[in-house]
Amino acid sequence: MTKQEFRSIAQLVQDDLKSRRFTRRFTPARSIKPERAEGGWWTDLGCFGKTLRVEAWCDHYVSKEVLHFWVGFCSRDLGIINKLLSARWKDKTILDLEGKFPGDSDGYYAVIDQTTASHINHPIHEYYQSGYTYFGMYRDLRDLDVGRAVSFVEAVIGPAKAEGYVEGACDQVTRNQYERDPVARQRCLELYGYKCQICEIDFAAKYGDLGKDFIHVHHLNQLADFGKRLTNPEKDLLPVCPNCHAMLHRKKPPVEPEALWRNTGDAGIGA
């Protein structure tokens, strides 16, 4: 793998880290600066606090035949890494206490939640006599999923609780719209006026010019149930406010206006 290829992958990982919200603040490194590693490259991606770094590696550390990509935590403070482990991994399965990766005489490792004798796709805790300790996950570069690699970091640190909810997505909805005759509506309003016939709210009286000529008109016999037909503005239509209109349609078939009026305790239909 070339330096530029590694930089491109590491940049994708850092961009994903920056796009997520964690329980602790992530401070990204100002730039991706690959440095030579064991047959590959490594770089600093950023940090949580002052002593817990996030790094990316791509090397032959696990296998001399296959390149593997590693994303995880690094610190000179063993206590910080152990604290991360204890929060989720209370029991560690030590694959080999004296285990040493190929070509390295200093490192020891413990595999966490491991069921097979493999270092790949399992959280691994490494600690070294030099003082550095690591906790991360190796993945085969041939089928690397950047999102899953970053999800490991998120799982360890913890995602931040949402302060709100995502809205505004656009969904395309297909529905039937039944034609209404504006002349029949106007004739209904000439007969009854613009006052709600259930709760008697008058929008012009309450809101002035803003509420003038505003009212809903309710069909006593639903168009969707009976289809195309003649409408009698006096017998089939009724002016109602938006609230009462919504309450009429809370049930199917709709509530009878007189029944809703009785629930309001106000004058209206029965007056």
C-alpha atoms as a PDB file:
ATOM      1  CA  MET A   1       0.000   0.000   0.000  1.00  0.00           C
ATOM      2  CA  THR A   2       1.290   3.435  -0.925  1.00  0.00           C
ATOM      3  CA  LYS A   3       1.459   6.344   1.479  1.00  0.00           C
ATOM      4  CA  GLN A   4      -1.247   8.182  -0.460  1.00  0.00           C
ATOM      5  CA  GLU A   5      -3.588   5.174  -0.445  1.00  0.00           C
ATOM      6  CA  PHE A   6      -3.244   4.865   3.320  1.00  0.00           C
ATOM      7  CA  ARG A   7      -3.759   8.607   3.782  1.00  0.00           C
ATOM      8  CA  SER A   8      -7.014   8.413   1.783  1.00  0.00           C
ATOM      9  CA  ILE A   9      -8.400   5.583   3.925  1.00  0.00           C
ATOM     10  CA  ALA A  10      -7.294   7.246   7.166  1.00  0.00           C
ATOM     11  CA  GLN A  11      -8.963  10.473   6.037  1.00  0.00           C
ATOM     12  CA  LEU A  12     -12.252   8.621   5.525  1.00  0.00           C
ATOM     13  CA  VAL A  13     -11.982   7.200   9.043  1.00  0.00           C
ATOM     14  CA  GLN A  14     -11.254  10.617  10.532  1.00  0.00           C
ATOM     15  CA  ASP A  15     -14.143  12.214   8.601  1.00  0.00           C
ATOM     16  CA  ASP A  16     -16.504   9.555   9.969  1.00  0.00           C
ATOM     17  CA  LEU A  17     -15.217  10.169  13.496  1.00  0.00           C
ATOM     18  CA  LYS A  18     -15.790  13.912  13.108  1.00  0.00           C
ATOM     19  CA  SER A  19     -19.347  13.340  11.885  1.00  0.00           C
ATOM     20  CA  ARG A  20     -20.359  11.366  14.992  1.00  0.00           C
ATOM     21  CA  ARG A  21     -21.225  12.645  18.435  1.00  0.00           C
ATOM     22  CA  PHE A  22     -19.715  10.842  21.425  1.00  0.00           C
ATOM     23  CA  THR A  23     -20.150  11.061  25.182  1.00  0.00           C
ATOM     24  CA  ARG A  24     -16.656  12.585  25.216  1.00  0.00           C
ATOM     25  CA  ARG A  25     -15.387  15.295  22.905  1.00  0.00           C
ATOM     26  CA  PHE A  26     -13.315  14.080  19.971  1.00  0.00           C
ATOM     27  CA  THR A  27     -10.590  16.491  18.825  1.00  0.00           C
ATOM     28  CA  PRO A  28      -9.382  15.554  15.339  1.00  0.00           C
ATOM     29  CA  ALA A  29      -5.742  15.806  14.344  1.00  0.00           C
ATOM     30  CA  ARG A  30      -5.129  18.852  12.183  1.00  0.00           C
ATOM     31  CA  SER A  31      -3.923  16.728   9.300  1.00  0.00           C
ATOM     32  CA  ILE A  32      -3.308  13.121   8.347  1.00  0.00           C
ATOM     33  CA  LYS A  33       0.454  12.532   8.364  1.00  0.00           C
ATOM     34  CA  PRO A  34       1.294   8.874   7.652  1.00  0.00           C
ATOM     35  CA  GLU A  35       4.474   7.501   9.174  1.00  0.00           C
ATOM     36  CA  ARG A  36       6.241   4.235   8.455  1.00  0.00           C
ATOM     37  CA  ALA A  37       5.204   1.169  10.432  1.00  0.00           C
ATOM     38  CA  GLU A  38       5.945  -2.598  10.276  1.00  0.00           C
ATOM     39  CA  GLY A  39       5.704  -3.029   6.518  1.00  0.00           C
ATOM     40  CA  GLY A  40       3.054  -0.318   6.292  1.00  0.00           C
ATOM     41  CA  TRP A  41       1.879   2.962   7.772  1.00  0.00           C
ATOM     42  CA  TRP A  42       0.300   4.535  10.832  1.00  0.00           C
ATOM     43  CA  THR A  43      -1.159   7.958  11.672  1.00  0.00           C
ATOM     44  CA  ASP A  44      -2.740   9.899  14.484  1.00  0.00           C
ATOM     45  CA  LEU A  45      -6.453  10.586  13.906  1.00  0.00           C
ATOM     46  CA  GLY A  46      -7.223  12.678  16.981  1.00  0.00           C
ATOM     47  CA  CYS A  47      -7.881  12.281  20.678  1.00  0.00           C
ATOM     48  CA  PHE A  48     -10.411  12.084  23.470  1.00  0.00           C
ATOM     49  CA  GLY A  49      -9.016  14.318  26.193  1.00  0.00           C
ATOM     50  CA  LYS A  50      -5.262  14.813  26.527  1.00  0.00           C
ATOM     51  CA  THR A  51      -4.032  11.252  26.985  1.00  0.00           C
ATOM     52  CA  LEU A  52      -6.300   8.977  24.923  1.00  0.00           C
ATOM     53  CA  ARG A  53      -5.397   9.025  21.250  1.00  0.00           C
ATOM     54  CA  VAL A  54      -7.159   7.388  18.305  1.00  0.00           C
ATOM     55  CA  GLU A  55      -4.838   5.957  15.673  1.00  0.00           C
ATOM     56  CA  ALA A  56      -5.019   4.068  12.392  1.00  0.00           C
ATOM     57  CA  TRP A  57      -2.484   1.464  11.288  1.00  0.00           C
ATOM     58  CA  CYS A  58      -2.036  -0.599   8.164  1.00  0.00           C
ATOM     59  CA  ASP A  59       0.699  -3.203   8.302  1.00  0.00           C
ATOM     60  CA  HIS A  60       1.770  -6.854   8.415  1.00  0.00           C
ATOM     61  CA  TYR A  61       1.782  -6.942  12.213  1.00  0.00           C
ATOM     62  CA  VAL A  62      -0.675  -9.846  12.381  1.00  0.00           C
ATOM     63  CA  SER A  63       0.304 -11.632   9.194  1.00  0.00           C
ATOM     64  CA  LYS A  64       3.311 -11.400   6.897  1.00  0.00           C
ATOM     65  CA  GLU A  65       1.130 -12.426   3.951  1.00  0.00           C
ATOM     66  CA  VAL A  66      -1.863 -10.093   4.331  1.00  0.00           C
ATOM     67  CA  LEU A  67      -2.148  -6.382   5.094  1.00  0.00           C
ATOM     68  CA  HIS A  68      -4.520  -5.544   7.945  1.00  0.00           C
ATOM     69  CA  PHE A  69      -6.062  -2.251   8.944  1.00  0.00           C
ATOM     70  CA  TRP A  70      -6.313  -1.305  12.622  1.00  0.00           C
ATOM     71  CA  VAL A  71      -8.333   1.457  14.281  1.00  0.00           C
ATOM     72  CA  GLY A  72      -8.286   1.934  18.029  1.00  0.00           C
ATOM     73  CA  PHE A  73      -7.002   3.706  21.096  1.00  0.00           C
ATOM     74  CA  CYS A  74      -3.471   4.385  22.249  1.00  0.00           C
ATOM     75  CA  SER A  75      -2.202   5.765  25.536  1.00  0.00           C
ATOM     76  CA  ARG A  76       0.863   5.676  27.788  1.00  0.00           C
ATOM     77  CA  ASP A  77      -1.564   5.439  30.714  1.00  0.00           C
ATOM     78  CA  LEU A  78      -2.534   1.784  31.138  1.00  0.00           C
ATOM     79  CA  GLY A  79      -5.217   2.814  33.624  1.00  0.00           C
ATOM     80  CA  ILE A  80      -7.136   4.741  30.963  1.00  0.00           C
ATOM     81  CA  ILE A  81      -7.260   1.762  28.616  1.00  0.00           C
ATOM     82  CA  ASN A  82      -8.229  -0.569  31.458  1.00  0.00           C
ATOM     83  CA  LYS A  83     -11.053   1.793  32.352  1.00  0.00           C
ATOM     84  CA  LEU A  84     -12.386   1.546  28.799  1.00  0.00           C
ATOM     85  CA  LEU A  85     -12.225  -2.226  29.018  1.00  0.00           C
ATOM     86  CA  SER A  86     -13.912  -2.498  32.398  1.00  0.00           C
ATOM     87  CA  ALA A  87     -16.853  -0.397  31.225  1.00  0.00           C
ATOM     88  CA  ARG A  88     -17.902  -3.042  28.707  1.00  0.00           C
ATOM     89  CA  TRP A  89     -15.561  -6.028  28.793  1.00  0.00           C
ATOM     90  CA  LYS A  90     -15.481  -7.177  32.406  1.00  0.00           C
ATOM     91  CA  ASP A  91     -13.959 -10.522  31.501  1.00  0.00           C
ATOM     92  CA  LYS A  92     -10.961 -10.790  29.202  1.00  0.00           C
ATOM     93  CA  THR A  93     -10.058 -13.982  27.388  1.00  0.00           C
ATOM     94  CA  ILE A  94      -6.265 -14.058  27.250  1.00  0.00           C
ATOM     95  CA  LEU A  95      -5.330 -15.877  24.095  1.00  0.00           C
ATOM     96  CA  ASP A  96      -1.702 -16.147  25.151  1.00  0.00           C
ATOM     97  CA  LEU A  97      -0.272 -14.075  27.987  1.00  0.00           C
ATOM     98  CA  GLU A  98       3.186 -14.418  26.472  1.00  0.00           C
ATOM     99  CA  GLY A  99       1.880 -14.042  22.932  1.00  0.00           C
ATOM    100  CA  LYS A 100       3.927 -11.883  20.662  1.00  0.00           C
ATOM    101  CA  PHE A 101       2.952 -10.706  17.226  1.00  0.00           C
ATOM    102  CA  PRO A 102       5.290 -11.704  14.385  1.00  0.00           C
ATOM    103  CA  GLY A 103       8.450  -9.657  14.266  1.00  0.00           C
ATOM    104  CA  ASP A 104       7.893  -8.036  17.662  1.00  0.00           C
ATOM    105  CA  SER A 105       9.673  -9.011  20.854  1.00  0.00           C
ATOM    106  CA  ASP A 106       8.131  -6.431  23.128  1.00  0.00           C
ATOM    107  CA  GLY A 107       4.346  -6.703  22.829  1.00  0.00           C
ATOM    108  CA  TYR A 108       1.894  -8.772  24.799  1.00  0.00           C
ATOM    109  CA  TYR A 109      -1.758  -9.023  23.997  1.00  0.00           C
ATOM    110  CA  ALA A 110      -5.106 -10.161  25.347  1.00  0.00           C
ATOM    111  CA  VAL A 111      -8.044 -10.851  23.054  1.00  0.00           C
ATOM    112  CA  ILE A 112     -11.401  -9.628  24.347  1.00  0.00           C
ATOM    113  CA  ASP A 113     -14.656 -11.602  23.858  1.00  0.00           C
ATOM    114  CA  GLN A 114     -12.842 -14.065  21.669  1.00  0.00           C
ATOM    115  CA  THR A 115     -14.177 -17.472  20.674  1.00  0.00           C
ATOM    116  CA  THR A 116     -11.655 -18.454  18.024  1.00  0.00           C
ATOM    117  CA  ALA A 117      -7.889 -18.348  17.934  1.00  0.00           C
ATOM    118  CA  SER A 118      -7.831 -15.374  15.576  1.00  0.00           C
ATOM    119  CA  HIS A 119      -6.786 -11.782  15.995  1.00  0.00           C
ATOM    120  CA  ILE A 120      -9.063 -10.509  13.210  1.00  0.00           C
ATOM    121  CA  ASN A 121     -12.386  -8.717  13.834  1.00  0.00           C
ATOM    122  CA  HIS A 122     -12.044  -9.050  17.610  1.00  0.00           C
ATOM    123  CA  PRO A 123     -11.124  -6.321  20.098  1.00  0.00           C
ATOM    124  CA  ILE A 124      -7.487  -6.770  21.129  1.00  0.00           C
ATOM    125  CA  HIS A 125      -5.699  -5.243  24.095  1.00  0.00           C
ATOM    126  CA  GLU A 126      -1.946  -4.819  23.588  1.00  0.00           C
ATOM    127  CA  TYR A 127       0.512  -3.598  26.177  1.00  0.00           C
ATOM    128  CA  TYR A 128       4.219  -3.019  25.822  1.00  0.00           C
ATOM    129  CA  GLN A 129       7.236  -2.693  28.066  1.00  0.00           C
ATOM    130  CA  SER A 130       7.963   0.635  26.370  1.00  0.00           C
ATOM    131  CA  GLY A 131       4.936   2.066  28.169  1.00  0.00           C
ATOM    132  CA  TYR A 132       2.455   2.237  25.325  1.00  0.00           C
ATOM    133  CA  THR A 133      -0.838   0.357  25.525  1.00  0.00           C
ATOM    134  CA  TYR A 134      -3.366  -0.129  22.735  1.00  0.00           C
ATOM    135  CA  PHE A 135      -6.957  -1.263  22.425  1.00  0.00           C
ATOM    136  CA  GLY A 136      -8.382  -1.718  18.947  1.00  0.00           C
ATOM    137  CA  MET A 137      -9.504  -4.074  16.238  1.00  0.00           C
ATOM    138  CA  TYR A 138      -7.713  -5.496  13.203  1.00  0.00           C
ATOM    139  CA  ARG A 139      -9.662  -5.862   9.964  1.00  0.00           C
ATOM    140  CA  ASP A 140      -8.722  -7.449   6.662  1.00  0.00           C
ATOM    141  CA  LEU A 141      -7.900  -4.616   4.278  1.00  0.00           C
ATOM    142  CA  ARG A 142      -9.447  -6.535   1.380  1.00  0.00           C
ATOM    143  CA  ASP A 143     -12.989  -6.086   2.746  1.00  0.00           C
ATOM    144  CA  LEU A 144     -12.514  -3.040   4.956  1.00  0.00           C
ATOM    145  CA  ASP A 145     -15.689  -1.293   6.097  1.00  0.00           C
ATOM    146  CA  VAL A 146     -14.761   2.167   7.399  1.00  0.00           C
ATOM    147  CA  GLY A 147     -18.139   2.625   9.098  1.00  0.00           C
ATOM    148  CA  ARG A 148     -17.751  -0.580  11.100  1.00  0.00           C
ATOM    149  CA  ALA A 149     -14.224   0.374  12.092  1.00  0.00           C
ATOM    150  CA  VAL A 150     -15.446   3.700  13.487  1.00  0.00           C
ATOM    151  CA  SER A 151     -18.429   2.004  15.123  1.00  0.00           C
ATOM    152  CA  PHE A 152     -15.951   0.136  17.301  1.00  0.00           C
ATOM    153  CA  VAL A 153     -14.663   3.463  18.637  1.00  0.00           C
ATOM    154  CA  GLU A 154     -18.247   4.624  19.174  1.00  0.00           C
ATOM    155  CA  ALA A 155     -19.129   1.404  21.008  1.00  0.00           C
ATOM    156  CA  VAL A 156     -16.202   1.858  23.415  1.00  0.00           C
ATOM    157  CA  ILE A 157     -16.603   5.595  24.070  1.00  0.00           C
ATOM    158  CA  GLY A 158     -20.378   5.624  23.778  1.00  0.00           C
ATOM    159  CA  PRO A 159     -22.612   7.694  21.474  1.00  0.00           C
ATOM    160  CA  ALA A 160     -23.909  11.005  22.793  1.00  0.00           C
ATOM    161  CA  LYS A 161     -27.560  11.135  23.740  1.00  0.00           C
ATOM    162  CA  ALA A 162     -29.598  12.955  21.129  1.00  0.00           C
ATOM    163  CA  GLU A 163     -30.622  16.483  22.096  1.00  0.00           C
ATOM    164  CA  GLY A 164     -33.349  16.398  19.470  1.00  0.00           C
ATOM    165  CA  TYR A 165     -34.851  14.211  16.814  1.00  0.00           C
ATOM    166  CA  VAL A 166     -34.119  14.131  13.123  1.00  0.00           C
ATOM    167  CA  GLU A 167     -36.994  15.491  11.077  1.00  0.00           C
ATOM    168  CA  GLY A 168     -37.468  16.890   7.618  1.00  0.00           C
ATOM    169  CA  ALA A 169     -36.813  13.781   5.523  1.00  0.00           C
ATOM    170  CA  CYS A 170     -38.844  13.798   2.316  1.00  0.00           C
ATOM    171  CA  ASP A 171     -41.218  10.886   1.709  1.00  0.00           C
ATOM    172  CA  GLN A 172     -43.291  10.578  -1.439  1.00  0.00           C
ATOM    173  CA  VAL A 173     -46.883   9.701  -0.561  1.00  0.00           C
ATOM    174  CA  THR A 174     -49.626   8.725  -2.977  1.00  0.00           C
ATOM    175  CA  ARG A 175     -53.218   9.344  -1.892  1.00  0.00           C
ATOM    176  CA  ASN A 176     -56.673   9.774  -3.347  1.00  0.00           C
ATOM    177  CA  GLN A 177     -58.104  13.304  -3.335  1.00  0.00           C
ATOM    178  CA  TYR A 178     -61.848  13.663  -3.811  1.00  0.00           C
ATOM    179  CA  GLU A 179     -63.115  16.665  -5.732  1.00  0.00           C
ATOM    180  CA  ARG A 180     -65.059  19.263  -3.747  1.00  0.00           C
ATOM    181  CA  ASP A 181     -67.372  21.861  -5.252  1.00  0.00           C
ATOM    182  CA  PRO A 182     -66.403  25.401  -4.158  1.00  0.00           C
ATOM    183  CA  VAL A 183     -69.877  26.646  -5.047  1.00  0.00           C
ATOM    184  CA  ALA A 184     -71.473  24.156  -2.641  1.00  0.00           C
ATOM    185  CA  ARG A 185     -69.015  25.268   0.062  1.00  0.00           C
ATOM    186  CA  GLN A 186     -69.807  28.928  -0.476  1.00  0.00           C
ATOM    187  CA  ARG A 187     -73.560  28.265  -0.360  1.00  0.00           C
ATOM    188  CA  CYS A 188     -73.092  26.393   2.945  1.00  0.00           C
ATOM    189  CA  LEU A 189     -71.262  29.399   4.396  1.00  0.00           C
ATOM    190  CA  GLU A 190     -73.980  31.748   3.202  1.00  0.00           C
ATOM    191  CA  LEU A 191     -76.501  29.629   5.091  1.00  0.00           C
ATOM    192  CA  TYR A 192     -74.540  29.079   8.326  1.00  0.00           C
ATOM    193  CA  GLY A 193     -71.890  31.789   8.404  1.00  0.00           C
ATOM    194  CA  TYR A 194     -68.204  31.410   9.389  1.00  0.00           C
ATOM    195  CA  LYS A 195     -68.821  30.435  13.020  1.00  0.00           C
ATOM    196  CA  CYS A 196     -68.079  26.846  14.094  1.00  0.00           C
ATOM    197  CA  GLN A 197     -71.390  25.052  14.472  1.00  0.00           C
ATOM    198  CA  ILE A 198     -70.044  22.899  17.298  1.00  0.00           C
ATOM    199  CA  CYS A 199     -67.948  25.092  19.624  1.00  0.00           C
ATOM    200  CA  GLU A 200     -69.088  28.450  18.150  1.00  0.00           C
ATOM    201  CA  ILE A 201     -65.617  29.943  17.770  1.00  0.00           C
ATOM    202  CA  ASP A 202     -65.619  32.939  15.423  1.00  0.00           C
ATOM    203  CA  PHE A 203     -62.127  33.398  13.991  1.00  0.00           C
ATOM    204  CA  ALA A 204     -62.760  36.974  12.838  1.00  0.00           C
ATOM    205  CA  ALA A 205     -63.933  37.959  16.321  1.00  0.00           C
ATOM    206  CA  LYS A 206     -60.925  36.272  17.953  1.00  0.00           C
ATOM    207  CA  TYR A 207     -58.139  37.102  15.485  1.00  0.00           C
ATOM    208  CA  GLY A 208     -59.462  40.134  13.615  1.00  0.00           C
ATOM    209  CA  ASP A 209     -58.685  40.462   9.909  1.00  0.00           C
ATOM    210  CA  LEU A 210     -56.346  37.447  10.087  1.00  0.00           C
ATOM    211  CA  GLY A 211     -59.265  35.186  10.972  1.00  0.00           C
ATOM    212  CA  LYS A 212     -61.786  36.714   8.574  1.00  0.00           C
ATOM    213  CA  ASP A 213     -63.512  34.200   6.285  1.00  0.00           C
ATOM    214  CA  PHE A 214     -61.600  31.265   7.789  1.00  0.00           C
ATOM    215  CA  ILE A 215     -63.451  28.031   8.625  1.00  0.00           C
ATOM    216  CA  HIS A 216     -63.474  24.360   7.605  1.00  0.00           C
ATOM    217  CA  VAL A 217     -66.496  22.743   5.983  1.00  0.00           C
ATOM    218  CA  HIS A 218     -67.327  19.197   7.072  1.00  0.00           C
ATOM    219  CA  HIS A 219     -69.075  16.681   4.815  1.00  0.00           C
ATOM    220  CA  LEU A 220     -71.658  14.815   6.869  1.00  0.00           C
ATOM    221  CA  ASN A 221     -71.499  11.975   4.344  1.00  0.00           C
ATOM    222  CA  GLN A 222     -67.888  11.251   3.477  1.00  0.00           C
ATOM    223  CA  LEU A 223     -66.965  11.599  -0.183  1.00  0.00           C
ATOM    224  CA  ALA A 224     -64.579   8.656   0.099  1.00  0.00           C
ATOM    225  CA  ASP A 225     -67.465   6.416   1.215  1.00  0.00           C
ATOM    226  CA  PHE A 226     -70.062   7.386  -1.352  1.00  0.00           C
ATOM    227  CA  GLY A 227     -68.056   8.621  -4.331  1.00  0.00           C
ATOM    228  CA  LYS A 228     -69.426  11.049  -6.907  1.00  0.00           C
ATOM    229  CA  ARG A 229     -72.870  12.401  -5.971  1.00  0.00           C
ATOM    230  CA  LEU A 230     -75.028  15.506  -5.616  1.00  0.00           C
ATOM    231  CA  THR A 231     -74.340  17.579  -2.479  1.00  0.00           C
ATOM    232  CA  ASN A 232     -77.001  19.585  -0.670  1.00  0.00           C
ATOM    233  CA  PRO A 233     -75.173  22.518   1.027  1.00  0.00           C
ATOM    234  CA  GLU A 234     -77.800  22.771   3.773  1.00  0.00           C
ATOM    235  CA  LYS A 235     -78.146  19.083   4.644  1.00  0.00           C
ATOM    236  CA  ASP A 236     -74.758  17.631   3.715  1.00  0.00           C
ATOM    237  CA  LEU A 237     -72.289  20.349   4.784  1.00  0.00           C
ATOM    238  CA  LEU A 238     -71.482  22.006   8.101  1.00  0.00           C
ATOM    239  CA  PRO A 239     -68.957  24.784   8.988  1.00  0.00           C
ATOM    240  CA  VAL A 240     -66.640  23.643  11.783  1.00  0.00           C
ATOM    241  CA  CYS A 241     -63.326  24.868  13.211  1.00  0.00           C
ATOM    242  CA  PRO A 242     -60.132  22.837  12.570  1.00  0.00           C
ATOM    243  CA  ASN A 243     -60.136  21.395  16.113  1.00  0.00           C
ATOM    244  CA  CYS A 244     -63.722  20.184  15.948  1.00  0.00           C
ATOM    245  CA  HIS A 245     -63.151  18.945  12.397  1.00  0.00           C
ATOM    246  CA  ALA A 246     -60.192  16.858  13.605  1.00  0.00           C
ATOM    247  CA  MET A 247     -62.253  15.459  16.502  1.00  0.00           C
ATOM    248  CA  LEU A 248     -65.065  14.464  14.139  1.00  0.00           C
ATOM    249  CA  HIS A 249     -62.550  12.385  12.171  1.00  0.00           C
ATOM    250  CA  ARG A 250     -60.933  10.760  15.195  1.00  0.00           C
ATOM    251  CA  LYS A 251     -63.149   7.736  14.584  1.00  0.00           C
ATOM    252  CA  LYS A 252     -64.305   5.854  11.550  1.00  0.00           C
ATOM    253  CA  PRO A 253     -67.055   6.403  10.623  1.00  0.00           C
ATOM    254  CA  PRO A 254     -66.751  10.018  11.807  1.00  0.00           C
ATOM    255  CA  VAL A 255     -68.371  11.171  15.037  1.00  0.00           C
ATOM    256  CA  GLU A 256     -71.786  12.746  14.601  1.00  0.00           C
ATOM    257  CA  PRO A 257     -71.544  16.568  15.027  1.00  0.00           C
ATOM    258  CA  GLU A 258     -74.362  16.567  17.570  1.00  0.00           C
ATOM    259  CA  ALA A 259     -72.589  13.945  19.664  1.00  0.00           C
ATOM    260  CA  LEU A 260     -69.414  16.023  19.650  1.00  0.00           C
ATOM    261  CA  TRP A 261     -71.397  19.145  20.532  1.00  0.00           C
ATOM    262  CA  ARG A 262     -72.831  17.352  23.589  1.00  0.00           C
ATOM    263  CA  ASN A 263     -69.257  16.616  24.730  1.00  0.00           C
ATOM    264  CA  THR A 264     -68.269  20.289  24.507  1.00  0.00           C
ATOM    265  CA  GLY A 265     -70.987  21.481  26.871  1.00  0.00           C
ATOM    266  CA  ASP A 266     -71.340  24.618  24.733  1.00  0.00           C
ATOM    267  CA  ALA A 267     -74.128  26.013  22.641  1.00  0.00           C
ATOM    268  CA  GLY A 268     -73.980  25.218  18.957  1.00  0.00           C
ATOM    269  CA  ILE A 269     -75.943  22.746  16.926  1.00  0.00           C
ATOM    270  CA  GLY A 270     -78.541  22.345  19.595  1.00  0.00           C
ATOM    271  CA  ALA A 271     -78.944  26.080  20.238  1.00  0.00           C
END
